[in-house]
């Protein structure tokens, strides 16, 4: 079992449409379209778990920043604007009151910078620290970006170099590309964020769109190896397809004919390898 297969199974079990639900399981955000509204609501959730996403000892403020940034990156991938968030936080014994307050200060600082209001959540005790962030954003009606719109006339772009997080030990503050994501509305065809590695995430985008991809180059962050740029993950740059160049973006390849989900790099099939919570490692 891998994460992609499990998500596909859950989607089949939850099949059925609800009025107003424009997109459900399988994208960076669900898209809900209120009747008569001029905007679509973007809904996402993400987790930050001790010994999975971070090791104990990282600054509390940075972890608070990152738990919100993970959700904001999903909003950015849809070309949206964040509005409110909810945080459920499980606090272990080692995290005292001062540590928890520093954690919230980090989250709230990023919330203020991005116009996101912390509107509620939950608190509990647990053996390890775990935070579940829910973010609600919005995009103009019908303009949210999705993974399933890539076409064979598109080029493939990323918003910046890759592999930096892996090269630096995954200890950096995540910088969600919200402003860049907004500029992609009306320009990009399909989009998502690079959280689990370029090879795996591009495979997912191609699978959702029923297309294949050919990579020509991979921009590497300073100090990163090619393997880290392809498979390292946690970069939170935006990956998208478009028919024309977009200022500030780096072209890395093109959408081509081929089996849905297949990615080729310099003529060779690229294994869709990256971070998968359910793969055997």
Protein backbone atom coordinates (compact mmCIF):
# COMPACT_ATOMS: atom_id res chain seq x y z
CA UNK A 1 0.00 0.00 0.00
CA UNK A 2 1.17 3.51 -0.76
CA UNK A 3 -0.37 6.91 -0.06
CA UNK A 4 -1.65 7.41 -3.61
CA UNK A 5 -3.43 4.04 -3.63
CA UNK A 6 -4.97 4.66 -0.21
CA UNK A 7 -6.25 8.10 -1.23
CA UNK A 8 -7.75 6.57 -4.39
CA UNK A 9 -9.53 3.92 -2.31
CA UNK A 10 -10.92 6.52 0.13
CA UNK A 11 -12.11 8.63 -2.80
CA UNK A 12 -14.00 5.66 -4.27
CA UNK A 13 -15.65 4.88 -0.92
CA UNK A 14 -16.67 8.52 -0.48
CA UNK A 15 -17.96 8.91 -4.03
CA UNK A 16 -21.09 10.90 -4.63
CA UNK A 17 -21.60 14.57 -5.29
CA UNK A 18 -22.95 17.25 -3.04
CA UNK A 19 -24.38 20.47 -4.46
CA UNK A 20 -21.68 23.13 -4.33
CA UNK A 21 -18.72 20.75 -4.09
CA UNK A 22 -16.70 21.61 -7.21
CA UNK A 23 -13.67 19.46 -6.28
CA UNK A 24 -13.16 16.96 -3.50
CA UNK A 25 -10.60 14.32 -2.53
CA UNK A 26 -7.39 14.28 -4.56
CA UNK A 27 -6.30 17.91 -4.90
CA UNK A 28 -4.41 20.32 -2.63
CA UNK A 29 -7.74 21.76 -1.44
CA UNK A 30 -11.40 20.90 -1.69
CA UNK A 31 -13.37 23.55 -3.59
CA UNK A 32 -16.82 24.48 -2.26
CA UNK A 33 -18.97 26.88 -4.25
CA UNK A 34 -21.67 28.59 -2.14
CA UNK A 35 -24.84 29.26 -4.10
CA UNK A 36 -24.86 32.76 -5.57
CA UNK A 37 -21.38 33.64 -4.26
CA UNK A 38 -18.74 35.33 -6.40
CA UNK A 39 -15.95 33.26 -4.81
CA UNK A 40 -15.13 29.60 -4.29
CA UNK A 41 -14.07 28.44 -0.83
CA UNK A 42 -10.82 26.47 -0.59
CA UNK A 43 -10.57 24.00 2.31
CA UNK A 44 -7.44 22.10 3.32
CA UNK A 45 -5.95 20.29 6.30
CA UNK A 46 -2.38 19.19 7.05
CA UNK A 47 -0.46 17.72 9.97
CA UNK A 48 2.86 18.37 11.68
CA UNK A 49 3.97 15.34 13.73
CA UNK A 50 6.99 14.85 15.98
CA UNK A 51 9.51 12.32 14.60
CA UNK A 52 7.72 12.37 11.23
CA UNK A 53 7.97 16.00 10.10
CA UNK A 54 10.43 17.31 12.70
CA UNK A 55 12.74 16.26 15.51
CA UNK A 56 12.46 17.55 19.05
CA UNK A 57 14.78 20.48 19.68
CA UNK A 58 13.71 22.70 16.79
CA UNK A 59 12.61 26.19 17.89
CA UNK A 60 8.98 26.32 18.99
CA UNK A 61 8.33 29.50 16.99
CA UNK A 62 9.55 27.84 13.79
CA UNK A 63 7.32 24.81 14.32
CA UNK A 64 4.32 27.06 14.92
CA UNK A 65 5.16 28.93 11.73
CA UNK A 66 5.53 25.67 9.80
CA UNK A 67 2.27 24.07 10.89
CA UNK A 68 0.36 27.01 9.41
CA UNK A 69 2.71 27.34 6.42
CA UNK A 70 1.94 23.76 5.35
CA UNK A 71 -1.74 24.61 5.00
CA UNK A 72 -1.05 27.98 3.40
CA UNK A 73 1.06 26.27 0.74
CA UNK A 74 -2.02 24.28 -0.32
CA UNK A 75 -3.97 27.53 -0.65
CA UNK A 76 -1.11 28.97 -2.73
CA UNK A 77 -1.18 25.92 -5.01
CA UNK A 78 -4.83 26.65 -5.80
CA UNK A 79 -4.15 30.34 -6.50
CA UNK A 80 -6.13 31.37 -3.45
CA UNK A 81 -6.15 33.88 -0.61
CA UNK A 82 -6.21 32.51 2.97
CA UNK A 83 -8.93 33.73 5.30
CA UNK A 84 -9.18 31.69 8.53
CA UNK A 85 -7.49 28.71 10.15
CA UNK A 86 -8.17 26.22 12.94
CA UNK A 87 -5.46 24.40 14.91
CA UNK A 88 -5.81 21.19 16.89
CA UNK A 89 -2.66 20.71 18.97
CA UNK A 90 -1.64 17.60 20.93
CA UNK A 91 0.92 18.64 23.56
CA UNK A 92 3.45 16.17 25.07
CA UNK A 93 4.87 16.34 28.60
CA UNK A 94 8.17 17.83 27.43
CA UNK A 95 6.45 20.94 26.04
CA UNK A 96 5.84 23.29 28.96
CA UNK A 97 3.58 26.34 28.98
CA UNK A 98 6.33 28.70 27.80
CA UNK A 99 7.14 26.39 24.85
CA UNK A 100 3.50 26.15 23.79
CA UNK A 101 3.13 29.93 23.91
CA UNK A 102 6.21 30.35 21.73
CA UNK A 103 4.68 27.83 19.29
CA UNK A 104 1.50 29.91 19.05
CA UNK A 105 3.49 33.12 18.66
CA UNK A 106 5.23 31.63 15.61
CA UNK A 107 1.90 30.60 14.10
CA UNK A 108 0.22 33.94 14.84
CA UNK A 109 3.10 35.96 13.38
CA UNK A 110 2.71 34.17 10.04
CA UNK A 111 -1.08 34.46 10.34
CA UNK A 112 -0.83 38.25 10.67
CA UNK A 113 1.61 38.49 7.75
CA UNK A 114 -0.72 36.55 5.45
CA UNK A 115 -4.08 37.92 6.57
CA UNK A 116 -5.14 34.62 8.15
CA UNK A 117 -7.24 34.67 11.33
CA UNK A 118 -6.88 31.86 13.89
CA UNK A 119 -10.57 31.18 14.52
CA UNK A 120 -10.49 28.14 16.82
CA UNK A 121 -9.19 24.62 17.32
CA UNK A 122 -8.61 22.06 20.05
CA UNK A 123 -6.00 21.19 22.71
CA UNK A 124 -5.12 17.77 24.10
CA UNK A 125 -2.31 15.83 25.77
CA UNK A 126 -0.39 13.14 23.89
CA UNK A 127 2.87 11.21 23.96
CA UNK A 128 4.28 13.25 21.05
CA UNK A 129 3.58 16.68 19.65
CA UNK A 130 1.13 16.76 16.76
CA UNK A 131 -0.58 19.72 15.15
CA UNK A 132 -3.44 19.53 12.63
CA UNK A 133 -4.04 22.77 10.75
CA UNK A 134 -7.24 23.51 8.83
CA UNK A 135 -7.17 26.51 6.50
CA UNK A 136 -10.07 28.08 4.63
CA UNK A 137 -9.28 30.39 1.74
CA UNK A 138 -11.03 31.68 -1.34
CA UNK A 139 -10.50 32.30 -5.04
CA UNK A 140 -12.66 34.06 -7.62
CA UNK A 141 -15.46 31.79 -8.76
CA UNK A 142 -14.19 29.23 -11.26
CA UNK A 143 -10.56 30.45 -11.14
CA UNK A 144 -9.02 28.10 -8.53
CA UNK A 145 -6.11 26.07 -9.91
CA UNK A 146 -6.37 22.29 -9.96
CA UNK A 147 -4.16 19.27 -10.62
CA UNK A 148 -6.34 17.71 -13.30
CA UNK A 149 -6.19 20.37 -16.04
CA UNK A 150 -2.76 19.75 -17.66
CA UNK A 151 -2.87 19.31 -21.45
CA UNK A 152 -0.41 18.04 -24.05
CA UNK A 153 0.31 21.53 -25.37
CA UNK A 154 1.58 22.72 -21.96
CA UNK A 155 5.08 23.41 -20.72
CA UNK A 156 6.00 22.52 -17.12
CA UNK A 157 7.35 25.10 -14.66
CA UNK A 158 8.42 25.44 -11.02
CA UNK A 159 8.47 28.63 -8.96
CA UNK A 160 12.04 28.13 -7.71
CA UNK A 161 15.03 25.79 -7.24
CA UNK A 162 14.46 22.45 -5.54
CA UNK A 163 16.26 20.25 -3.04
CA UNK A 164 17.22 22.96 -0.58
CA UNK A 165 15.17 21.57 2.29
CA UNK A 166 16.74 18.12 1.95
CA UNK A 167 20.24 19.60 1.65
CA UNK A 168 19.77 21.59 4.85
CA UNK A 169 18.23 18.78 6.87
CA UNK A 170 14.57 19.90 6.69
CA UNK A 171 15.15 22.46 9.43
CA UNK A 172 14.10 25.65 7.62
CA UNK A 173 10.99 27.75 8.02
CA UNK A 174 8.55 26.96 5.20
CA UNK A 175 7.75 29.91 2.94
CA UNK A 176 4.34 29.40 1.25
CA UNK A 177 4.26 30.96 -2.22
CA UNK A 178 0.95 32.75 -1.79
CA UNK A 179 1.69 35.85 -3.85
CA UNK A 180 3.15 33.81 -6.70
CA UNK A 181 0.17 31.46 -6.61
CA UNK A 182 -2.23 34.37 -7.07
CA UNK A 183 -0.33 35.50 -10.16
CA UNK A 184 -0.97 32.08 -11.73
CA UNK A 185 -4.73 32.55 -11.89
CA UNK A 186 -5.64 32.79 -15.56
CA UNK A 187 -2.09 31.80 -16.59
CA UNK A 188 -1.49 28.29 -15.27
CA UNK A 189 -3.54 25.32 -16.41
CA UNK A 190 -2.74 22.80 -13.64
CA UNK A 191 -0.84 23.36 -10.39
CA UNK A 192 0.18 21.87 -7.04
CA UNK A 193 2.88 22.44 -4.45
CA UNK A 194 6.07 20.37 -4.26
CA UNK A 195 5.88 18.86 -0.80
CA UNK A 196 6.86 15.21 -1.36
CA UNK A 197 9.47 15.58 -4.12
CA UNK A 198 9.31 16.70 -7.75
CA UNK A 199 9.30 13.19 -9.25
CA UNK A 200 6.43 11.97 -7.07
CA UNK A 201 4.38 15.16 -7.20
CA UNK A 202 4.70 15.55 -10.97
CA UNK A 203 3.61 11.90 -11.30
CA UNK A 204 0.52 12.76 -9.22
CA UNK A 205 -0.29 15.82 -11.34
CA UNK A 206 0.09 13.83 -14.56
CA UNK A 207 -2.01 10.98 -13.20
CA UNK A 208 -4.80 13.37 -12.21
CA UNK A 209 -4.70 14.97 -15.68
CA UNK A 210 -4.34 11.71 -17.62
CA UNK A 211 -1.09 12.81 -19.28
CA UNK A 212 2.66 12.09 -19.26
CA UNK A 213 5.63 14.44 -18.79
CA UNK A 214 9.13 14.89 -20.17
CA UNK A 215 11.63 16.74 -17.94
CA UNK A 216 14.53 18.56 -19.59
CA UNK A 217 16.21 20.03 -16.52
CA UNK A 218 15.81 20.28 -12.75
CA UNK A 219 16.86 23.54 -11.03
CA UNK A 220 18.87 22.70 -7.92
CA UNK A 221 19.10 24.88 -4.81
CA UNK A 222 22.61 25.76 -3.58
CA UNK A 223 24.19 22.71 -1.97
CA UNK A 224 21.53 20.30 -3.24
CA UNK A 225 22.22 17.18 -5.27
CA UNK A 226 20.17 16.12 -8.28
CA UNK A 227 18.67 13.29 -6.21
CA UNK A 228 17.57 15.76 -3.52
CA UNK A 229 16.06 18.09 -6.12
CA UNK A 230 14.12 15.21 -7.69
CA UNK A 231 13.06 13.28 -4.61
CA UNK A 232 13.84 15.25 -1.44
CA UNK A 233 10.55 17.03 -0.82
CA UNK A 234 9.55 19.78 1.64
CA UNK A 235 10.46 22.50 -0.87
CA UNK A 236 6.96 24.04 -1.06
CA UNK A 237 7.66 25.61 -4.44
CA UNK A 238 4.77 25.57 -6.91
CA UNK A 239 4.71 23.10 -9.80
CA UNK A 240 2.46 24.06 -12.70
CA UNK A 241 1.75 23.74 -16.40
CA UNK A 242 1.02 26.59 -18.78
CA UNK A 243 1.01 27.33 -22.51
CA UNK A 244 3.26 30.39 -22.15
CA UNK A 245 6.14 31.47 -19.95
CA UNK A 246 5.31 33.06 -16.59
CA UNK A 247 7.62 35.76 -15.15
CA UNK A 248 9.68 34.40 -12.26
CA UNK A 249 9.07 30.75 -13.11
CA UNK A 250 11.59 28.17 -14.35
CA UNK A 251 10.66 25.95 -17.28
CA UNK A 252 11.64 22.33 -16.61
CA UNK A 253 9.86 20.31 -19.31
CA UNK A 254 6.64 19.68 -21.17
CA UNK A 255 3.49 17.59 -21.15
CA UNK A 256 3.68 14.78 -23.74
CA UNK A 257 1.82 11.77 -25.06
CA UNK A 258 2.29 8.64 -22.97
CA UNK A 259 0.80 6.54 -20.20
CA UNK A 260 -1.03 8.62 -17.58
CA UNK A 261 1.36 9.48 -14.76
CA UNK A 262 4.58 8.57 -16.54
CA UNK A 263 7.47 11.02 -16.10
CA UNK A 264 10.64 10.86 -18.20
CA UNK A 265 13.88 12.70 -17.50
CA UNK A 266 16.42 13.10 -20.28
CA UNK A 267 14.77 10.28 -22.18
CA UNK A 268 14.66 7.77 -19.31
CA UNK A 269 11.64 6.81 -17.21
CA UNK A 270 11.83 8.54 -13.82
CA UNK A 271 10.70 6.51 -10.84
CA UNK A 272 7.95 8.37 -8.91
CA UNK A 273 9.98 8.29 -5.73
CA UNK A 274 9.61 10.83 -2.93
CA UNK A 275 8.16 11.02 0.57
CA UNK A 276 5.28 8.58 1.05
CA UNK A 277 3.99 7.98 4.58
CA UNK A 278 2.82 4.48 3.68
CA UNK A 279 5.64 3.14 1.53
CA UNK A 280 8.00 0.56 2.98
CA UNK A 281 11.26 2.35 3.76
